[in-house]
Protein backbone atom coordinates (compact mmCIF):
# COMPACT_ATOMS: atom_id res chain seq x y z
CA MET A 1 -11.74 -43.61 14.39
CA SER A 2 -14.13 -43.07 11.70
CA ASN A 3 -13.08 -44.29 7.89
CA GLY A 4 -16.65 -43.32 6.53
CA LEU A 5 -16.78 -41.37 3.14
CA SER A 6 -19.92 -39.46 3.78
CA VAL A 7 -18.78 -35.89 4.69
CA SER A 8 -21.97 -34.23 3.49
CA GLU A 9 -22.65 -33.19 6.99
CA ILE A 10 -19.55 -30.79 7.01
CA GLY A 11 -19.93 -27.23 6.32
CA CYS A 12 -16.69 -26.75 4.78
CA VAL A 13 -17.48 -26.29 0.95
CA GLU A 14 -14.64 -24.46 -0.31
CA ALA A 15 -12.71 -27.22 1.66
CA MET A 16 -14.25 -29.74 -0.25
CA ASN A 17 -13.92 -27.76 -3.45
CA ALA A 18 -9.89 -27.71 -2.70
CA VAL A 19 -9.94 -31.28 -2.04
CA GLY A 20 -11.38 -32.18 -5.70
CA ALA A 21 -8.87 -29.49 -7.20
CA VAL A 22 -6.04 -31.40 -5.63
CA LEU A 23 -7.11 -34.95 -6.96
CA ARG A 24 -8.10 -33.81 -10.37
CA SER A 25 -4.62 -32.21 -10.68
CA GLY A 26 -2.55 -35.40 -9.70
CA ALA A 27 0.32 -32.80 -8.30
CA SER A 28 2.36 -34.29 -5.79
CA VAL A 29 1.89 -31.72 -3.43
CA SER A 30 1.39 -32.04 0.50
CA VAL A 31 -1.36 -30.79 2.12
CA LEU A 32 -2.33 -29.25 5.56
CA VAL A 33 -6.18 -29.23 6.59
CA TYR A 34 -6.68 -27.15 9.34
CA GLY A 35 -9.38 -25.72 11.70
CA LEU A 36 -10.73 -25.33 14.91
CA ASP A 37 -11.73 -28.39 16.74
CA GLY A 38 -14.62 -29.86 15.44
CA GLY A 39 -14.19 -27.86 12.24
CA GLY A 40 -14.34 -30.98 10.14
CA GLN A 41 -10.46 -30.91 9.15
CA HIS A 42 -10.28 -34.66 10.22
CA GLU A 43 -12.86 -35.66 8.07
CA VAL A 44 -11.86 -33.76 4.98
CA ALA A 45 -8.23 -34.86 5.53
CA GLU A 46 -9.83 -38.58 5.51
CA ARG A 47 -11.44 -37.71 2.32
CA LEU A 48 -8.33 -36.40 0.41
CA ALA A 49 -6.26 -39.44 1.81
CA CYS A 50 -9.13 -41.93 0.29
CA GLY A 51 -9.17 -40.11 -2.92
CA HIS A 52 -5.38 -40.45 -3.40
CA LEU A 53 -5.76 -44.20 -2.86
CA CYS A 54 -9.28 -44.57 -4.94
CA MET A 55 -8.65 -46.57 -8.23
CA GLY A 56 -11.74 -44.97 -10.00
CA GLU A 57 -11.54 -43.12 -13.25
CA ASP A 58 -13.76 -40.52 -12.49
CA GLU A 59 -14.77 -38.55 -9.32
CA ARG A 60 -12.60 -39.87 -6.66
CA PRO A 61 -12.98 -41.17 -3.90
CA CYS A 62 -15.61 -43.41 -5.79
CA GLY A 63 -16.33 -45.39 -2.58
CA VAL A 64 -16.82 -48.75 -4.62
CA CYS A 65 -13.56 -49.79 -5.81
CA LYS A 66 -11.07 -52.21 -4.20
CA THR A 67 -9.07 -49.62 -2.87
CA CYS A 68 -11.65 -47.69 -1.23
CA GLY A 69 -13.28 -50.88 0.29
CA ALA A 70 -10.07 -51.56 1.97
CA TYR A 71 -9.65 -47.94 2.96
CA THR A 72 -13.23 -48.19 4.61
CA ARG A 73 -12.67 -51.39 6.48
CA GLY A 74 -9.13 -49.84 7.62
CA ASN A 75 -6.80 -52.57 6.34
CA SER A 76 -4.94 -50.47 3.18
CA ALA A 77 -1.77 -51.53 2.82
CA ASP A 78 -0.84 -48.23 1.11
CA LEU A 79 -2.07 -46.01 3.82
CA LEU A 80 -0.31 -45.13 7.01
CA ARG A 81 -2.18 -43.37 9.71
CA VAL A 82 0.00 -41.50 12.27
CA GLU A 83 -1.48 -39.83 15.43
CA PRO A 84 -0.19 -38.90 18.81
CA GLU A 85 0.28 -42.05 21.20
CA GLY A 86 1.50 -42.88 24.65
CA LYS A 87 1.26 -41.22 27.83
CA SER A 88 2.95 -38.01 26.22
CA ASP A 89 0.07 -37.76 23.78
CA LEU A 90 2.70 -36.73 21.19
CA ILE A 91 4.16 -38.04 17.59
CA SER A 92 7.77 -38.74 18.68
CA VAL A 93 10.54 -38.68 15.93
CA GLY A 94 10.11 -42.82 16.31
CA ALA A 95 7.10 -42.07 13.98
CA VAL A 96 9.10 -40.39 11.28
CA SER A 97 12.37 -42.44 10.97
CA SER A 98 13.41 -45.51 12.96
CA ARG A 99 15.58 -44.72 16.14
CA GLU A 100 17.52 -47.26 18.16
CA GLY A 101 15.62 -47.41 21.63
CA SER A 102 12.32 -45.80 20.27
CA SER A 103 9.47 -46.78 22.33
CA TYR A 104 7.38 -46.11 19.09
CA ASP A 105 5.64 -49.70 17.93
CA GLY A 106 3.96 -48.48 14.74
CA VAL A 107 5.95 -48.44 11.31
CA PRO A 108 8.21 -45.34 10.91
CA ILE A 109 7.01 -43.08 7.88
CA ALA A 110 10.48 -43.59 6.42
CA ASP A 111 10.29 -47.17 6.49
CA PHE A 112 6.58 -47.23 5.03
CA LEU A 113 7.85 -44.94 1.96
CA ARG A 114 10.68 -47.32 1.42
CA VAL A 115 8.56 -49.17 -1.48
CA GLY A 116 6.17 -48.18 -3.78
CA PRO A 117 2.30 -49.03 -3.62
CA LEU A 118 1.28 -52.54 -3.42
CA VAL A 119 -2.29 -51.99 -4.63
CA ALA A 120 -3.19 -48.33 -4.82
CA PRO A 121 -2.04 -45.93 -7.19
CA LEU A 122 -0.10 -43.83 -4.38
CA LYS A 123 0.92 -44.38 -0.86
CA VAL A 124 -0.50 -42.04 1.49
CA VAL A 125 0.98 -40.98 4.90
CA LEU A 126 -2.22 -39.35 7.03
CA ILE A 127 -0.82 -37.22 10.20
CA HIS A 128 -3.64 -36.30 12.30
CA GLU A 129 -3.34 -33.72 15.23
CA ALA A 130 0.05 -32.71 13.28
CA GLU A 131 0.77 -29.98 15.88
CA ARG A 132 1.29 -32.81 18.34
CA MET A 133 4.64 -33.78 16.57
CA THR A 134 7.67 -33.03 18.67
CA ASP A 135 10.21 -30.47 17.29
CA ALA A 136 12.46 -33.65 16.65
CA ALA A 137 9.58 -35.45 14.56
CA SER A 138 8.91 -32.13 12.77
CA ASN A 139 12.36 -31.66 11.67
CA ALA A 140 12.78 -35.28 10.81
CA LEU A 141 9.94 -34.86 8.61
CA LEU A 142 10.95 -31.66 6.71
CA LYS A 143 13.41 -33.35 4.01
CA THR A 144 10.75 -36.06 3.09
CA LEU A 145 8.20 -33.26 2.61
CA GLU A 146 10.48 -31.46 0.56
CA GLU A 147 11.33 -34.39 -1.59
CA PRO A 148 8.95 -37.13 -1.23
CA PRO A 149 8.94 -40.14 -3.44
CA GLU A 150 6.88 -39.59 -6.40
CA TYR A 151 4.47 -42.47 -5.27
CA ALA A 152 3.92 -40.81 -1.87
CA ARG A 153 1.47 -38.01 -0.78
CA PHE A 154 1.35 -36.60 2.58
CA VAL A 155 -2.02 -35.21 3.98
CA LEU A 156 -1.98 -33.34 7.51
CA SER A 157 -4.80 -32.50 9.72
CA THR A 158 -4.42 -29.77 12.89
CA GLY A 159 -6.92 -28.15 15.13
CA ASN A 160 -4.23 -25.45 15.85
CA LEU A 161 -2.25 -24.18 13.11
CA SER A 162 -0.13 -21.93 15.21
CA ARG A 163 1.44 -24.64 17.43
CA LEU A 164 3.06 -26.15 13.93
CA LEU A 165 6.67 -25.18 12.94
CA PRO A 166 6.39 -22.75 10.32
CA THR A 167 8.76 -24.61 8.31
CA ILE A 168 6.29 -27.44 7.96
CA VAL A 169 3.28 -25.07 7.25
CA SER A 170 5.27 -23.48 4.48
CA ARG A 171 5.72 -26.59 2.77
CA CYS A 172 2.20 -27.73 2.60
CA LEU A 173 -0.70 -26.35 0.50
CA LEU A 174 -3.32 -25.21 3.07
CA ILE A 175 -6.86 -25.86 3.14
CA GLY A 176 -8.97 -24.38 5.78
CA CYS A 177 -12.15 -25.87 7.63
CA ASP A 178 -12.66 -22.92 10.39
CA LEU A 179 -14.41 -20.52 7.95
CA PRO A 180 -15.17 -17.02 9.44
CA ASP A 181 -18.80 -15.79 9.44
CA GLU A 182 -18.52 -14.32 5.75
CA SER A 183 -21.39 -12.03 6.46
CA ASN A 184 -19.18 -9.84 9.04
CA LEU A 185 -16.23 -9.59 6.77
CA PRO A 186 -15.57 -7.50 3.63
CA ARG A 187 -15.96 -9.42 0.39
CA SER A 188 -12.15 -9.22 -0.60
CA ILE A 189 -11.09 -10.58 2.68
CA ALA A 190 -13.62 -13.65 2.82
CA ALA A 191 -12.55 -14.39 -0.65
CA LEU A 192 -8.69 -14.48 0.34
CA SER A 193 -8.99 -15.66 3.72
CA GLY A 194 -9.46 -19.37 2.97
CA GLY A 195 -10.95 -20.09 6.41
CA THR A 196 -8.16 -19.09 8.51
CA ASN A 197 -8.83 -16.28 11.29
CA ALA A 198 -5.18 -15.64 11.54
CA VAL A 199 -5.32 -14.91 7.57
CA VAL A 200 -8.27 -12.66 8.39
CA LEU A 201 -6.64 -10.65 10.91
CA GLN A 202 -3.38 -10.41 8.80
CA LEU A 203 -5.28 -8.93 5.53
CA SER A 204 -7.28 -6.79 7.75
CA GLU A 205 -4.01 -4.54 8.93
CA GLU A 206 -3.97 -1.25 7.48
CA ARG A 207 -1.02 -1.98 5.21
CA PHE A 208 -3.10 -4.67 3.41
CA ILE A 209 -6.20 -2.82 2.59
CA GLU A 210 -5.17 -1.45 -1.09
CA PHE A 211 -3.62 -4.83 -1.76
CA VAL A 212 -6.60 -6.95 -0.69
CA GLU A 213 -8.86 -4.98 -2.61
CA ASP A 214 -6.89 -5.00 -5.84
CA PHE A 215 -6.18 -8.40 -5.56
CA SER A 216 -9.58 -9.38 -5.13
CA SER A 217 -11.05 -7.51 -7.91
CA TRP A 218 -8.38 -8.79 -10.46
CA VAL A 219 -9.01 -12.24 -9.49
CA HIS A 220 -13.09 -11.74 -9.65
CA SER A 221 -12.15 -10.52 -13.21
CA LEU A 222 -10.49 -13.64 -14.47
CA ALA A 223 -13.73 -15.43 -15.54
CA LYS A 224 -14.09 -12.75 -18.20
CA ARG A 225 -10.33 -12.53 -19.58
CA SER A 226 -9.41 -14.18 -22.87
CA ALA A 227 -6.61 -16.30 -24.29
CA ILE A 228 -4.83 -13.45 -25.69
CA GLU A 229 -4.23 -12.00 -22.38
CA ALA A 230 -2.62 -14.93 -20.86
CA MET A 231 1.00 -13.65 -20.66
CA ARG A 232 -0.38 -10.37 -19.30
CA LEU A 233 -2.11 -11.99 -16.51
CA SER A 234 0.97 -13.80 -15.82
CA SER A 235 2.89 -10.64 -15.51
CA ASP A 236 -0.02 -9.32 -13.25
CA PHE A 237 0.02 -12.02 -10.91
CA GLN A 238 3.74 -11.93 -10.37
CA SER A 239 3.61 -8.11 -9.42
CA PHE A 240 0.72 -9.15 -7.12
CA ALA A 241 2.95 -11.72 -5.44
CA GLU A 242 6.11 -9.26 -5.17
CA LYS A 243 3.66 -6.50 -3.45
CA TYR A 244 2.42 -9.57 -1.35
CA GLN A 245 5.78 -10.29 0.00
CA GLU A 246 6.92 -6.90 0.29
CA LEU A 247 3.75 -6.22 2.79
CA ALA A 248 4.22 -9.60 4.56
CA LYS A 249 7.76 -10.05 5.27
CA THR A 250 8.58 -8.55 8.69
CA SER A 251 12.03 -8.41 10.86
CA GLU A 252 11.36 -11.82 12.08
CA ASP A 253 11.23 -13.20 8.39
CA LYS A 254 14.95 -12.24 7.40
CA ASP A 255 15.66 -15.86 6.92
CA LYS A 256 12.39 -16.95 5.13
CA ALA A 257 13.10 -18.08 1.69
CA ASP A 258 11.22 -16.09 -1.33
CA ARG A 259 9.68 -19.42 -2.08
CA ALA A 260 8.00 -19.70 0.81
CA PHE A 261 6.42 -16.32 0.45
CA ARG A 262 5.32 -17.59 -3.08
CA ALA A 263 3.67 -20.46 -1.70
CA GLU A 264 1.84 -18.42 0.65
CA PHE A 265 0.59 -16.21 -2.07
CA LEU A 266 -0.49 -19.00 -4.40
CA THR A 267 -2.70 -20.25 -1.15
CA LEU A 268 -4.24 -16.88 -1.16
CA PHE A 269 -4.90 -17.17 -4.83
CA ALA A 270 -6.16 -20.84 -4.55
CA ASN A 271 -8.64 -19.52 -1.42
CA ALA A 272 -9.95 -16.51 -4.12
CA LEU A 273 -10.48 -19.20 -6.80
CA GLY A 274 -12.29 -21.31 -4.46
CA TYR A 275 -14.49 -18.38 -3.66
CA GLU A 276 -15.12 -17.61 -7.08
CA LEU A 277 -15.96 -21.34 -8.08
CA ARG A 278 -18.45 -21.60 -4.68
CA LYS A 279 -20.27 -18.30 -6.38
CA GLY A 280 -20.63 -20.19 -9.67
CA GLU A 281 -17.38 -19.13 -11.77
CA SER A 282 -17.11 -22.47 -13.26
CA ARG A 283 -14.39 -21.22 -15.94
CA LEU A 284 -12.15 -21.09 -13.60
CA VAL A 285 -11.86 -24.73 -12.43
CA ARG A 286 -9.03 -25.67 -14.41
CA LEU A 287 -7.04 -22.61 -13.49
CA ALA A 288 -7.46 -23.78 -9.60
CA GLU A 289 -6.28 -27.13 -10.46
CA LEU A 290 -3.20 -25.69 -12.19
CA VAL A 291 -2.77 -23.33 -8.89
CA VAL A 292 -2.15 -26.80 -7.02
CA GLU A 293 0.34 -28.01 -9.51
CA GLY A 294 2.14 -24.59 -9.45
CA HIS A 295 2.33 -24.74 -5.54
CA ALA A 296 4.20 -28.08 -5.86
CA SER A 297 6.57 -26.77 -8.27
CA VAL A 298 7.52 -23.67 -6.47
CA GLN A 299 8.20 -25.88 -3.40
CA GLY A 300 10.44 -27.90 -5.70
CA ASN A 301 12.36 -24.85 -6.44
CA VAL A 302 11.01 -24.15 -10.06
CA ARG A 303 11.33 -20.73 -11.07
CA PHE A 304 8.10 -18.50 -10.20
CA ASP A 305 7.99 -16.97 -13.62
CA PHE A 306 8.04 -20.24 -15.32
CA VAL A 307 5.45 -21.47 -13.40
CA CYS A 308 3.23 -18.32 -13.79
CA ASP A 309 3.55 -18.69 -17.48
CA SER A 310 2.84 -22.01 -17.56
CA MET A 311 -0.24 -21.74 -15.36
CA PHE A 312 -1.89 -18.95 -17.12
CA ALA A 313 -1.15 -20.13 -20.83
CA THR A 314 -2.76 -23.66 -20.01
CA ALA A 315 -5.71 -22.19 -18.24
CA PHE A 316 -6.80 -19.85 -20.87
CA GLN A 317 -5.70 -21.81 -23.97
CA PRO A 318 -8.47 -21.97 -26.32
CA GLY A 319 -10.92 -24.96 -26.13
């Protein structure tokens, strides 16, 4: 297992931008980094985990502080790595919470989070190959993902997003590493896809065409908008969110909560902002950070209109 901090070789520019936004925001948000095998999701997840542990004051992870040193040596007291094990090559429920008769010989997540951090600013649970969690383990993890201790951060990585329970996916901010070849995609879909082929396929469906074009153009215009337009932008954004839910909801989603659709839409927005930042629109950095905070707030059942108003008012305030 590699604990190195160098990820310069990874072709995951947007993913690394998203990691930076998460770390700068300080938001209590669970993150799921996904991609195809060898797509860099493991390394990006490690980078984010180390950044959460870092005691540096500027860019994190700094690579030189006490906690970064412990991470590099593989002996951080505030980091718990969870990976498939045993003959089954699965992550069992015993890895999540103590069970009588469990064969799991590591520290369960629930026990690890029972007390606060010992050295680092936060405690971090890093789950690699999250798709290998059993259904029992996934269900046991759900409540903690919904209401983690304030000092805890969850970082998950997976090479097969479709094998994760939808309830796990909906509780995380998604960062994609399997970026499609943008040269073969319309600009609007490249901007919103966030690196997942599943989203590319969804947004390419005929019913989404007008929405994708309109929303992508709207996001592209944000760098030129002013503070006086903040509440109008919030209203427009909420209208786009309603339209997305209307288009995305299927007969199989009858029990899917509104907040799950809102969280999905915020992920699309984060993808689009990351695309604009990569194209040089630096004015949108603060808004990208606030989207991370907004995602966490929506997962915490804060009213969506409040989240949107705060997000745009703060991002576009003068100075």
